[in-house]
Amino acid sequence: MKQNFTKVARKVRSARAGIVIWCGVTLILAAPFAQSAAPAPDAPKSAGSAAGKHPQPEVVDIELLTWPEIYKAIHEQGKTTAIIFDGGTEQRGPQGVTGAHNFIARATADAIARKLGNALVAPVIPYSVNKANPELPGTIGISGPVFAEINEEVAEQLIANGFRNVVLIGDHGGGQKEIKEVAARLDAKYASQGIRVVYSDGPYTQANEEFFAWLDKNGYPPSTHAGIPDTSEMLYLEGNQNWIRKELLPTALGDPPRKPGEHPDPNAKRVNNGISGDARRSSYELGKRFIDLKVNDGVAQIQALLKAPAGAAGAQ
């Protein structure tokens, strides 16, 4: 028995990830998270992945830092800006996983913080203003007032931790109005202390408008929810996580996207698969283009907002 156990132990030590079966017992060996996680946009690879040629990217996530590291970042390294990037959990068509907004928010926030150079990122808030649908399960929404209250309390907690600037951003359409109002309210409340709270819609409204216009100009089919923009972002960010079921892309065609205020035709036959438009031409390259827009628009807008007079930023 001791000899057999030694053989199994040797197998376990040598296996990087996978399943080992011995004497009817299944051992599931999980690879470390960092090995499979998608990098932030344009982040360098880890030092070990390229024979030490590239340094590891700077850690900007509060949840990955210890309290002494956070204290040093704020008080010695000038990282006095905190980013709250709201995500969301919802269905993303048959081809996309429901955590897409959260993964996109995390990667975009990290890239924005690194470009700003003076920011850290709060844990992504994984719920947005939305409603579940039993026909297309996976969406977990919360009401507008609850969403606003969560963002307001988190922002004030970040201020209590010592941050002088707090930036509110959302990756989902539901909730934009709420975080804009929260930012305006808190910016006015803390203005006398020299503390800023701003709402940035650059990574959402501005980047969406620019990317949708580019797609239209270059002959791509119209799409909104779970369409080309959403699906392409995930293809770019997923790494080996399989966030997009690529075998389903050839059939990723949904109902035609409706114009604002337009009601669905009750006589039209509906696909009702969670896709608005056509996602079949989604690609890694399009995803990179979109994420780069989000990051660049966010950085430029945040820098401008924090230069504006206190009390005015929330009205942007």
C-alpha atoms as a PDB file:
ATOM      1  CA  MET A   1       0.000   0.000   0.000  1.00  0.00           C
ATOM      2  CA  LYS A   2       2.811   2.402   0.871  1.00  0.00           C
ATOM      3  CA  GLN A   3       4.463   1.661  -2.473  1.00  0.00           C
ATOM      4  CA  ASN A   4       1.223   2.378  -4.394  1.00  0.00           C
ATOM      5  CA  PHE A   5       0.614   5.594  -2.453  1.00  0.00           C
ATOM      6  CA  THR A   6       4.147   6.749  -3.305  1.00  0.00           C
ATOM      7  CA  LYS A   7       3.394   6.205  -6.997  1.00  0.00           C
ATOM      8  CA  VAL A   8       0.251   8.284  -6.753  1.00  0.00           C
ATOM      9  CA  ALA A   9       2.029  11.050  -4.852  1.00  0.00           C
ATOM     10  CA  ARG A  10       4.636  11.129  -7.594  1.00  0.00           C
ATOM     11  CA  LYS A  11       1.864  11.474 -10.176  1.00  0.00           C
ATOM     12  CA  VAL A  12       0.248  14.289  -8.248  1.00  0.00           C
ATOM     13  CA  ARG A  13       3.519  16.193  -7.941  1.00  0.00           C
ATOM     14  CA  SER A  14       4.273  15.880 -11.638  1.00  0.00           C
ATOM     15  CA  ALA A  15       0.807  16.706 -13.002  1.00  0.00           C
ATOM     16  CA  ARG A  16       0.218  20.375 -13.795  1.00  0.00           C
ATOM     17  CA  ALA A  17      -3.570  20.023 -14.151  1.00  0.00           C
ATOM     18  CA  GLY A  18      -6.008  17.253 -15.013  1.00  0.00           C
ATOM     19  CA  ILE A  19      -7.587  14.137 -13.578  1.00  0.00           C
ATOM     20  CA  VAL A  20      -5.731  11.139 -12.176  1.00  0.00           C
ATOM     21  CA  ILE A  21      -7.660   7.923 -11.452  1.00  0.00           C
ATOM     22  CA  TRP A  22      -6.132   5.341  -9.107  1.00  0.00           C
ATOM     23  CA  CYS A  23      -7.813   2.318  -7.557  1.00  0.00           C
ATOM     24  CA  GLY A  24     -11.286   3.701  -8.348  1.00  0.00           C
ATOM     25  CA  VAL A  25     -10.520   7.085  -6.736  1.00  0.00           C
ATOM     26  CA  THR A  26     -10.629  10.204  -8.923  1.00  0.00           C
ATOM     27  CA  LEU A  27      -8.218  12.993  -8.054  1.00  0.00           C
ATOM     28  CA  ILE A  28      -9.023  16.358  -9.613  1.00  0.00           C
ATOM     29  CA  LEU A  29      -5.947  18.526  -9.905  1.00  0.00           C
ATOM     30  CA  ALA A  30      -6.634  22.211 -10.415  1.00  0.00           C
ATOM     31  CA  ALA A  31      -4.084  24.493 -12.011  1.00  0.00           C
ATOM     32  CA  PRO A  32      -3.302  27.728 -10.186  1.00  0.00           C
ATOM     33  CA  PHE A  33      -5.696  30.560 -11.104  1.00  0.00           C
ATOM     34  CA  ALA A  34      -2.914  32.819 -12.331  1.00  0.00           C
ATOM     35  CA  GLN A  35      -1.924  30.189 -14.882  1.00  0.00           C
ATOM     36  CA  SER A  36      -5.265  30.332 -16.695  1.00  0.00           C
ATOM     37  CA  ALA A  37      -6.578  33.816 -15.999  1.00  0.00           C
ATOM     38  CA  ALA A  38      -6.782  36.226 -18.912  1.00  0.00           C
ATOM     39  CA  PRO A  39      -4.355  39.142 -18.656  1.00  0.00           C
ATOM     40  CA  ALA A  40      -5.530  42.721 -18.520  1.00  0.00           C
ATOM     41  CA  PRO A  41      -5.481  44.476 -21.916  1.00  0.00           C
ATOM     42  CA  ASP A  42      -1.925  44.935 -23.173  1.00  0.00           C
ATOM     43  CA  ALA A  43      -0.507  43.759 -19.845  1.00  0.00           C
ATOM     44  CA  PRO A  44       2.905  42.090 -20.171  1.00  0.00           C
ATOM     45  CA  LYS A  45       3.145  38.382 -19.550  1.00  0.00           C
ATOM     46  CA  SER A  46       4.445  37.110 -16.251  1.00  0.00           C
ATOM     47  CA  ALA A  47       8.185  36.973 -15.824  1.00  0.00           C
ATOM     48  CA  GLY A  48       8.298  33.189 -15.866  1.00  0.00           C
ATOM     49  CA  SER A  49       6.331  32.860 -19.099  1.00  0.00           C
ATOM     50  CA  ALA A  50       9.032  34.421 -21.258  1.00  0.00           C
ATOM     51  CA  ALA A  51      12.224  33.295 -19.583  1.00  0.00           C
ATOM     52  CA  GLY A  52      12.285  36.389 -17.377  1.00  0.00           C
ATOM     53  CA  LYS A  53      12.269  38.846 -20.293  1.00  0.00           C
ATOM     54  CA  HIS A  54       9.103  40.671 -19.183  1.00  0.00           C
ATOM     55  CA  PRO A  55       8.354  42.037 -15.696  1.00  0.00           C
ATOM     56  CA  GLN A  56       5.083  41.130 -14.045  1.00  0.00           C
ATOM     57  CA  PRO A  57       2.367  43.779 -14.422  1.00  0.00           C
ATOM     58  CA  GLU A  58       1.837  46.073 -11.473  1.00  0.00           C
ATOM     59  CA  VAL A  59      -0.889  44.890  -9.117  1.00  0.00           C
ATOM     60  CA  VAL A  60      -3.599  47.554  -8.932  1.00  0.00           C
ATOM     61  CA  ASP A  61      -6.454  45.483  -7.506  1.00  0.00           C
ATOM     62  CA  ILE A  62      -7.249  46.303  -3.891  1.00  0.00           C
ATOM     63  CA  GLU A  63      -8.429  42.750  -3.248  1.00  0.00           C
ATOM     64  CA  LEU A  64      -4.982  41.414  -4.246  1.00  0.00           C
ATOM     65  CA  LEU A  65      -3.051  43.729  -1.914  1.00  0.00           C
ATOM     66  CA  THR A  66      -2.394  43.615   1.819  1.00  0.00           C
ATOM     67  CA  TRP A  67      -3.273  46.562   4.042  1.00  0.00           C
ATOM     68  CA  PRO A  68       0.364  47.742   4.388  1.00  0.00           C
ATOM     69  CA  GLU A  69       0.675  47.641   0.584  1.00  0.00           C
ATOM     70  CA  ILE A  70      -2.520  49.676   0.170  1.00  0.00           C
ATOM     71  CA  TYR A  71      -1.377  52.180   2.807  1.00  0.00           C
ATOM     72  CA  LYS A  72       1.976  52.586   1.080  1.00  0.00           C
ATOM     73  CA  ALA A  73       0.299  52.967  -2.325  1.00  0.00           C
ATOM     74  CA  ILE A  74      -1.941  55.770  -1.045  1.00  0.00           C
ATOM     75  CA  HIS A  75       0.459  57.654   1.212  1.00  0.00           C
ATOM     76  CA  GLU A  76       3.857  57.065  -0.393  1.00  0.00           C
ATOM     77  CA  GLN A  77       3.219  56.213  -4.050  1.00  0.00           C
ATOM     78  CA  GLY A  78       0.499  58.782  -4.776  1.00  0.00           C
ATOM     79  CA  LYS A  79      -2.221  56.288  -5.679  1.00  0.00           C
ATOM     80  CA  THR A  80      -4.998  58.431  -4.273  1.00  0.00           C
ATOM     81  CA  THR A  81      -7.669  57.563  -6.871  1.00  0.00           C
ATOM     82  CA  ALA A  82      -9.969  54.554  -6.462  1.00  0.00           C
ATOM     83  CA  ILE A  83     -11.990  53.131  -9.353  1.00  0.00           C
ATOM     84  CA  ILE A  84     -15.351  51.466  -8.789  1.00  0.00           C
ATOM     85  CA  PHE A  85     -16.245  49.647 -12.002  1.00  0.00           C
ATOM     86  CA  ASP A  86     -19.706  48.079 -11.879  1.00  0.00           C
ATOM     87  CA  GLY A  87     -20.141  44.853 -13.790  1.00  0.00           C
ATOM     88  CA  GLY A  88     -23.279  42.742 -13.986  1.00  0.00           C
ATOM     89  CA  THR A  89     -24.493  39.181 -14.244  1.00  0.00           C
ATOM     90  CA  GLU A  90     -26.815  38.457 -17.162  1.00  0.00           C
ATOM     91  CA  GLN A  91     -27.421  36.149 -20.081  1.00  0.00           C
ATOM     92  CA  ARG A  92     -25.217  36.866 -23.096  1.00  0.00           C
ATOM     93  CA  GLY A  93     -26.775  34.671 -25.750  1.00  0.00           C
ATOM     94  CA  PRO A  94     -26.129  30.944 -26.198  1.00  0.00           C
ATOM     95  CA  GLN A  95     -22.445  31.612 -26.899  1.00  0.00           C
ATOM     96  CA  GLY A  96     -21.432  33.836 -23.982  1.00  0.00           C
ATOM     97  CA  VAL A  97     -21.026  33.201 -20.250  1.00  0.00           C
ATOM     98  CA  THR A  98     -23.142  35.244 -17.839  1.00  0.00           C
ATOM     99  CA  GLY A  99     -20.208  36.882 -16.016  1.00  0.00           C
ATOM    100  CA  ALA A 100     -19.078  38.850 -19.079  1.00  0.00           C
ATOM    101  CA  HIS A 101     -19.716  42.323 -17.650  1.00  0.00           C
ATOM    102  CA  ASN A 102     -17.658  41.468 -14.567  1.00  0.00           C
ATOM    103  CA  PHE A 103     -14.699  40.126 -16.522  1.00  0.00           C
ATOM    104  CA  ILE A 104     -14.750  43.108 -18.893  1.00  0.00           C
ATOM    105  CA  ALA A 105     -15.068  45.576 -16.001  1.00  0.00           C
ATOM    106  CA  ARG A 106     -12.131  44.023 -14.155  1.00  0.00           C
ATOM    107  CA  ALA A 107      -9.806  44.002 -17.153  1.00  0.00           C
ATOM    108  CA  THR A 108     -10.781  47.495 -18.307  1.00  0.00           C
ATOM    109  CA  ALA A 109     -10.486  48.981 -14.810  1.00  0.00           C
ATOM    110  CA  ASP A 110      -7.039  47.443 -14.358  1.00  0.00           C
ATOM    111  CA  ALA A 111      -5.825  48.870 -17.668  1.00  0.00           C
ATOM    112  CA  ILE A 112      -7.263  52.314 -16.888  1.00  0.00           C
ATOM    113  CA  ALA A 113      -5.620  52.331 -13.444  1.00  0.00           C
ATOM    114  CA  ARG A 114      -2.231  51.416 -14.878  1.00  0.00           C
ATOM    115  CA  LYS A 115      -2.466  54.127 -17.529  1.00  0.00           C
ATOM    116  CA  LEU A 116      -3.537  56.732 -14.998  1.00  0.00           C
ATOM    117  CA  GLY A 117      -0.610  55.727 -12.793  1.00  0.00           C
ATOM    118  CA  ASN A 118      -2.228  57.018  -9.601  1.00  0.00           C
ATOM    119  CA  ALA A 119      -5.149  54.635  -9.124  1.00  0.00           C
ATOM    120  CA  LEU A 120      -6.191  51.370  -7.509  1.00  0.00           C
ATOM    121  CA  VAL A 121      -9.244  49.287  -8.404  1.00  0.00           C
ATOM    122  CA  ALA A 122     -11.986  48.281  -5.972  1.00  0.00           C
ATOM    123  CA  PRO A 123     -13.531  44.814  -6.318  1.00  0.00           C
ATOM    124  CA  VAL A 124     -16.021  44.761  -9.198  1.00  0.00           C
ATOM    125  CA  ILE A 125     -19.665  45.028  -8.118  1.00  0.00           C
ATOM    126  CA  PRO A 126     -21.154  41.994  -9.907  1.00  0.00           C
ATOM    127  CA  TYR A 127     -24.805  43.073 -10.127  1.00  0.00           C
ATOM    128  CA  SER A 128     -26.493  45.846 -12.088  1.00  0.00           C
ATOM    129  CA  VAL A 129     -29.968  47.289 -12.539  1.00  0.00           C
ATOM    130  CA  ASN A 130     -31.671  44.435 -14.351  1.00  0.00           C
ATOM    131  CA  LYS A 131     -34.358  41.755 -14.074  1.00  0.00           C
ATOM    132  CA  ALA A 132     -34.198  37.986 -14.312  1.00  0.00           C
ATOM    133  CA  ASN A 133     -36.014  36.170 -17.114  1.00  0.00           C
ATOM    134  CA  PRO A 134     -36.941  32.492 -16.634  1.00  0.00           C
ATOM    135  CA  GLU A 135     -36.935  31.936 -20.405  1.00  0.00           C
ATOM    136  CA  LEU A 136     -33.275  33.012 -20.581  1.00  0.00           C
ATOM    137  CA  PRO A 137     -31.910  32.162 -17.103  1.00  0.00           C
ATOM    138  CA  GLY A 138     -28.684  33.593 -15.754  1.00  0.00           C
ATOM    139  CA  THR A 139     -29.516  37.245 -15.194  1.00  0.00           C
ATOM    140  CA  ILE A 140     -29.300  38.411 -11.568  1.00  0.00           C
ATOM    141  CA  GLY A 141     -30.414  42.018 -11.312  1.00  0.00           C
ATOM    142  CA  ILE A 142     -31.026  44.440  -8.464  1.00  0.00           C
ATOM    143  CA  SER A 143     -33.240  47.504  -8.230  1.00  0.00           C
ATOM    144  CA  GLY A 144     -32.017  51.019  -8.985  1.00  0.00           C
ATOM    145  CA  PRO A 145     -32.226  52.262  -5.375  1.00  0.00           C
ATOM    146  CA  VAL A 146     -30.322  49.247  -4.038  1.00  0.00           C
ATOM    147  CA  PHE A 147     -27.690  49.576  -6.758  1.00  0.00           C
ATOM    148  CA  ALA A 148     -27.260  53.275  -5.967  1.00  0.00           C
ATOM    149  CA  GLU A 149     -26.993  52.613  -2.242  1.00  0.00           C
ATOM    150  CA  ILE A 150     -24.327  49.940  -2.737  1.00  0.00           C
ATOM    151  CA  ASN A 151     -22.236  52.244  -4.909  1.00  0.00           C
ATOM    152  CA  GLU A 152     -22.631  55.139  -2.496  1.00  0.00           C
ATOM    153  CA  GLU A 153     -21.564  53.110   0.525  1.00  0.00           C
ATOM    154  CA  VAL A 154     -18.606  51.554  -1.280  1.00  0.00           C
ATOM    155  CA  ALA A 155     -17.479  55.000  -2.450  1.00  0.00           C
ATOM    156  CA  GLU A 156     -17.655  56.390   1.077  1.00  0.00           C
ATOM    157  CA  GLN A 157     -15.763  53.395   2.421  1.00  0.00           C
ATOM    158  CA  LEU A 158     -12.990  54.086  -0.081  1.00  0.00           C
ATOM    159  CA  ILE A 159     -12.879  57.704   1.092  1.00  0.00           C
ATOM    160  CA  ALA A 160     -12.648  56.464   4.688  1.00  0.00           C
ATOM    161  CA  ASN A 161      -9.690  54.315   3.625  1.00  0.00           C
ATOM    162  CA  GLY A 162      -7.828  57.445   2.564  1.00  0.00           C
ATOM    163  CA  PHE A 163      -8.526  57.840  -1.168  1.00  0.00           C
ATOM    164  CA  ARG A 164      -8.926  61.449  -2.331  1.00  0.00           C
ATOM    165  CA  ASN A 165     -10.657  60.670  -5.622  1.00  0.00           C
ATOM    166  CA  VAL A 166     -13.301  58.047  -6.396  1.00  0.00           C
ATOM    167  CA  VAL A 167     -14.356  57.264  -9.969  1.00  0.00           C
ATOM    168  CA  LEU A 168     -17.662  55.496 -10.698  1.00  0.00           C
ATOM    169  CA  ILE A 169     -17.947  53.572 -13.985  1.00  0.00           C
ATOM    170  CA  GLY A 170     -20.480  51.022 -15.236  1.00  0.00           C
ATOM    171  CA  ASP A 171     -20.176  48.362 -17.937  1.00  0.00           C
ATOM    172  CA  HIS A 172     -23.941  47.765 -18.140  1.00  0.00           C
ATOM    173  CA  GLY A 173     -26.575  50.177 -19.447  1.00  0.00           C
ATOM    174  CA  GLY A 174     -28.774  49.602 -16.428  1.00  0.00           C
ATOM    175  CA  GLY A 175     -27.342  51.668 -13.580  1.00  0.00           C
ATOM    176  CA  GLN A 176     -25.670  54.496 -15.512  1.00  0.00           C
ATOM    177  CA  LYS A 177     -28.247  57.016 -14.302  1.00  0.00           C
ATOM    178  CA  GLU A 178     -27.881  55.856 -10.705  1.00  0.00           C
ATOM    179  CA  ILE A 179     -24.095  56.093 -10.489  1.00  0.00           C
ATOM    180  CA  LYS A 180     -24.148  59.490 -12.199  1.00  0.00           C
ATOM    181  CA  GLU A 181     -26.499  60.745  -9.475  1.00  0.00           C
ATOM    182  CA  VAL A 182     -24.419  59.144  -6.709  1.00  0.00           C
ATOM    183  CA  ALA A 183     -21.266  60.815  -8.022  1.00  0.00           C
ATOM    184  CA  ALA A 184     -22.920  64.242  -8.159  1.00  0.00           C
ATOM    185  CA  ARG A 185     -24.275  63.882  -4.628  1.00  0.00           C
ATOM    186  CA  LEU A 186     -21.004  62.718  -3.076  1.00  0.00           C
ATOM    187  CA  ASP A 187     -18.877  65.178  -5.021  1.00  0.00           C
ATOM    188  CA  ALA A 188     -20.905  68.013  -3.517  1.00  0.00           C
ATOM    189  CA  LYS A 189     -20.818  66.431  -0.062  1.00  0.00           C
ATOM    190  CA  TYR A 190     -17.030  66.075   0.094  1.00  0.00           C
ATOM    191  CA  ALA A 191     -15.998  69.120  -1.946  1.00  0.00           C
ATOM    192  CA  SER A 192     -15.092  71.134   1.149  1.00  0.00           C
ATOM    193  CA  GLN A 193     -12.575  68.430   2.107  1.00  0.00           C
ATOM    194  CA  GLY A 194     -10.893  68.510  -1.285  1.00  0.00           C
ATOM    195  CA  ILE A 195     -12.201  65.030  -2.114  1.00  0.00           C
ATOM    196  CA  ARG A 196     -13.605  64.288  -5.574  1.00  0.00           C
ATOM    197  CA  VAL A 197     -16.226  61.725  -6.622  1.00  0.00           C
ATOM    198  CA  VAL A 198     -16.827  61.610 -10.381  1.00  0.00           C
ATOM    199  CA  TYR A 199     -18.852  59.581 -12.867  1.00  0.00           C
ATOM    200  CA  SER A 200     -17.076  58.511 -16.050  1.00  0.00           C
ATOM    201  CA  ASP A 201     -19.160  57.252 -18.956  1.00  0.00           C
ATOM    202  CA  GLY A 202     -16.225  57.345 -21.372  1.00  0.00           C
ATOM    203  CA  PRO A 203     -15.719  53.556 -21.234  1.00  0.00           C
ATOM    204  CA  TYR A 204     -19.451  53.043 -21.834  1.00  0.00           C
ATOM    205  CA  THR A 205     -21.319  55.771 -23.741  1.00  0.00           C
ATOM    206  CA  GLN A 206     -18.418  57.319 -25.630  1.00  0.00           C
ATOM    207  CA  ALA A 207     -16.643  54.061 -26.469  1.00  0.00           C
ATOM    208  CA  ASN A 208     -19.909  52.414 -27.561  1.00  0.00           C
ATOM    209  CA  GLU A 209     -20.775  55.287 -29.882  1.00  0.00           C
ATOM    210  CA  GLU A 210     -17.320  55.277 -31.458  1.00  0.00           C
ATOM    211  CA  PHE A 211     -17.139  51.510 -31.877  1.00  0.00           C
ATOM    212  CA  PHE A 212     -20.675  51.135 -33.248  1.00  0.00           C
ATOM    213  CA  ALA A 213     -19.979  53.897 -35.780  1.00  0.00           C
ATOM    214  CA  TRP A 214     -16.750  52.127 -36.827  1.00  0.00           C
ATOM    215  CA  LEU A 215     -18.571  48.811 -37.258  1.00  0.00           C
ATOM    216  CA  ASP A 216     -21.268  50.440 -39.385  1.00  0.00           C
ATOM    217  CA  LYS A 217     -18.720  52.270 -41.523  1.00  0.00           C
ATOM    218  CA  ASN A 218     -16.828  49.025 -42.152  1.00  0.00           C
ATOM    219  CA  GLY A 219     -19.833  46.978 -43.200  1.00  0.00           C
ATOM    220  CA  TYR A 220     -20.495  44.905 -40.092  1.00  0.00           C
ATOM    221  CA  PRO A 221     -24.097  43.849 -39.387  1.00  0.00           C
ATOM    222  CA  PRO A 222     -26.006  45.712 -36.674  1.00  0.00           C
ATOM    223  CA  SER A 223     -26.018  44.174 -33.208  1.00  0.00           C
ATOM    224  CA  THR A 224     -26.332  45.239 -29.605  1.00  0.00           C
ATOM    225  CA  HIS A 225     -26.763  42.851 -26.671  1.00  0.00           C
ATOM    226  CA  ALA A 226     -24.632  39.688 -27.018  1.00  0.00           C
ATOM    227  CA  GLY A 227     -23.746  40.815 -30.522  1.00  0.00           C
ATOM    228  CA  ILE A 228     -20.411  41.612 -32.132  1.00  0.00           C
ATOM    229  CA  PRO A 229     -19.179  44.142 -29.516  1.00  0.00           C
ATOM    230  CA  ASP A 230     -20.001  42.012 -26.456  1.00  0.00           C
ATOM    231  CA  THR A 231     -18.817  38.750 -27.967  1.00  0.00           C
ATOM    232  CA  SER A 232     -15.620  40.197 -29.431  1.00  0.00           C
ATOM    233  CA  GLU A 233     -14.586  41.692 -26.082  1.00  0.00           C
ATOM    234  CA  MET A 234     -14.805  38.275 -24.507  1.00  0.00           C
ATOM    235  CA  LEU A 235     -12.862  36.613 -27.317  1.00  0.00           C
ATOM    236  CA  TYR A 236     -10.073  39.119 -26.690  1.00  0.00           C
ATOM    237  CA  LEU A 237     -10.030  38.787 -22.914  1.00  0.00           C
ATOM    238  CA  GLU A 238     -10.798  35.114 -22.328  1.00  0.00           C
ATOM    239  CA  GLY A 239      -7.347  33.590 -22.766  1.00  0.00           C
ATOM    240  CA  ASN A 240      -7.945  29.865 -22.253  1.00  0.00           C
ATOM    241  CA  GLN A 241     -11.082  30.355 -20.122  1.00  0.00           C
ATOM    242  CA  ASN A 242     -13.590  29.515 -22.924  1.00  0.00           C
ATOM    243  CA  TRP A 243     -15.886  32.409 -22.037  1.00  0.00           C
ATOM    244  CA  ILE A 244     -17.236  32.231 -25.611  1.00  0.00           C
ATOM    245  CA  ARG A 245     -18.470  28.895 -26.923  1.00  0.00           C
ATOM    246  CA  LYS A 246     -16.781  29.170 -30.294  1.00  0.00           C
ATOM    247  CA  GLU A 247     -18.586  26.198 -31.779  1.00  0.00           C
ATOM    248  CA  LEU A 248     -21.796  28.251 -31.482  1.00  0.00           C
ATOM    249  CA  LEU A 249     -20.501  31.373 -33.241  1.00  0.00           C
ATOM    250  CA  PRO A 250     -21.562  30.210 -36.739  1.00  0.00           C
ATOM    251  CA  THR A 251     -25.189  30.198 -35.535  1.00  0.00           C
ATOM    252  CA  ALA A 252     -25.010  33.259 -33.239  1.00  0.00           C
ATOM    253  CA  LEU A 253     -27.825  35.121 -34.960  1.00  0.00           C
ATOM    254  CA  GLY A 254     -30.666  36.638 -32.942  1.00  0.00           C
ATOM    255  CA  ASP A 255     -33.600  38.965 -33.386  1.00  0.00           C
ATOM    256  CA  PRO A 256     -32.947  42.273 -35.194  1.00  0.00           C
ATOM    257  CA  PRO A 257     -31.888  45.011 -32.747  1.00  0.00           C
ATOM    258  CA  ARG A 258     -34.630  47.559 -32.064  1.00  0.00           C
ATOM    259  CA  LYS A 259     -34.168  51.308 -32.216  1.00  0.00           C
ATOM    260  CA  PRO A 260     -34.648  53.277 -28.967  1.00  0.00           C
ATOM    261  CA  GLY A 261     -38.345  53.391 -28.120  1.00  0.00           C
ATOM    262  CA  GLU A 262     -39.271  50.871 -30.814  1.00  0.00           C
ATOM    263  CA  HIS A 263     -41.595  48.044 -29.759  1.00  0.00           C
ATOM    264  CA  PRO A 264     -41.271  44.506 -31.133  1.00  0.00           C
ATOM    265  CA  ASP A 265     -43.618  43.490 -33.927  1.00  0.00           C
ATOM    266  CA  PRO A 266     -46.135  41.090 -32.323  1.00  0.00           C
ATOM    267  CA  ASN A 267     -46.615  39.319 -35.663  1.00  0.00           C
ATOM    268  CA  ALA A 268     -42.933  38.721 -36.361  1.00  0.00           C
ATOM    269  CA  LYS A 269     -41.485  35.310 -35.593  1.00  0.00           C
ATOM    270  CA  ARG A 270     -38.913  35.693 -32.830  1.00  0.00           C
ATOM    271  CA  VAL A 271     -35.653  33.817 -32.326  1.00  0.00           C
ATOM    272  CA  ASN A 272     -35.538  34.802 -28.627  1.00  0.00           C
ATOM    273  CA  ASN A 273     -32.068  33.384 -27.977  1.00  0.00           C
ATOM    274  CA  GLY A 274     -30.742  36.398 -26.059  1.00  0.00           C
ATOM    275  CA  ILE A 275     -28.875  37.954 -28.996  1.00  0.00           C
ATOM    276  CA  SER A 276     -29.916  41.283 -30.460  1.00  0.00           C
ATOM    277  CA  GLY A 277     -28.546  41.250 -33.978  1.00  0.00           C
ATOM    278  CA  ASP A 278     -25.765  39.200 -35.513  1.00  0.00           C
ATOM    279  CA  ALA A 279     -22.690  38.060 -33.559  1.00  0.00           C
ATOM    280  CA  ARG A 280     -21.251  35.699 -36.164  1.00  0.00           C
ATOM    281  CA  ARG A 281     -18.410  37.986 -37.280  1.00  0.00           C
ATOM    282  CA  SER A 282     -17.119  38.567 -33.763  1.00  0.00           C
ATOM    283  CA  SER A 283     -13.336  38.316 -33.404  1.00  0.00           C
ATOM    284  CA  TYR A 284     -10.370  38.777 -31.099  1.00  0.00           C
ATOM    285  CA  GLU A 285      -9.178  41.717 -33.194  1.00  0.00           C
ATOM    286  CA  LEU A 286     -12.504  43.554 -32.900  1.00  0.00           C
ATOM    287  CA  GLY A 287     -12.499  42.915 -29.169  1.00  0.00           C
ATOM    288  CA  LYS A 288      -9.064  44.479 -28.800  1.00  0.00           C
ATOM    289  CA  ARG A 289     -10.176  47.523 -30.764  1.00  0.00           C
ATOM    290  CA  PHE A 290     -13.216  47.969 -28.499  1.00  0.00           C
ATOM    291  CA  ILE A 291     -11.344  47.457 -25.224  1.00  0.00           C
ATOM    292  CA  ASP A 292      -8.618  49.882 -26.328  1.00  0.00           C
ATOM    293  CA  LEU A 293     -11.318  52.483 -26.980  1.00  0.00           C
ATOM    294  CA  LYS A 294     -12.803  51.925 -23.537  1.00  0.00           C
ATOM    295  CA  VAL A 295      -9.438  52.315 -21.832  1.00  0.00           C
ATOM    296  CA  ASN A 296      -8.287  55.360 -23.782  1.00  0.00           C
ATOM    297  CA  ASP A 297     -11.644  57.147 -23.535  1.00  0.00           C
ATOM    298  CA  GLY A 298     -11.813  56.370 -19.823  1.00  0.00           C
ATOM    299  CA  VAL A 299      -8.323  57.655 -19.048  1.00  0.00           C
ATOM    300  CA  ALA A 300      -8.813  60.884 -21.001  1.00  0.00           C
ATOM    301  CA  GLN A 301     -12.190  61.600 -19.437  1.00  0.00           C
ATOM    302  CA  ILE A 302     -11.135  60.786 -15.868  1.00  0.00           C
ATOM    303  CA  GLN A 303      -8.129  63.088 -16.138  1.00  0.00           C
ATOM    304  CA  ALA A 304     -10.382  65.879 -17.412  1.00  0.00           C
ATOM    305  CA  LEU A 305     -13.045  65.281 -14.757  1.00  0.00           C
ATOM    306  CA  LEU A 306     -10.598  65.448 -11.891  1.00  0.00           C
ATOM    307  CA  LYS A 307      -9.332  68.798 -13.167  1.00  0.00           C
ATOM    308  CA  ALA A 308     -12.873  70.226 -13.238  1.00  0.00           C
ATOM    309  CA  PRO A 309     -14.229  72.229 -10.266  1.00  0.00           C
ATOM    310  CA  ALA A 310     -15.579  70.156  -7.377  1.00  0.00           C
ATOM    311  CA  GLY A 311     -19.335  69.679  -7.459  1.00  0.00           C
ATOM    312  CA  ALA A 312     -19.554  69.828 -11.250  1.00  0.00           C
ATOM    313  CA  ALA A 313     -18.172  66.417 -12.266  1.00  0.00           C
ATOM    314  CA  GLY A 314     -21.290  64.374 -11.576  1.00  0.00           C
ATOM    315  CA  ALA A 315     -23.236  66.388 -14.120  1.00  0.00           C
ATOM    316  CA  GLN A 316     -21.067  65.312 -17.035  1.00  0.00           C
END
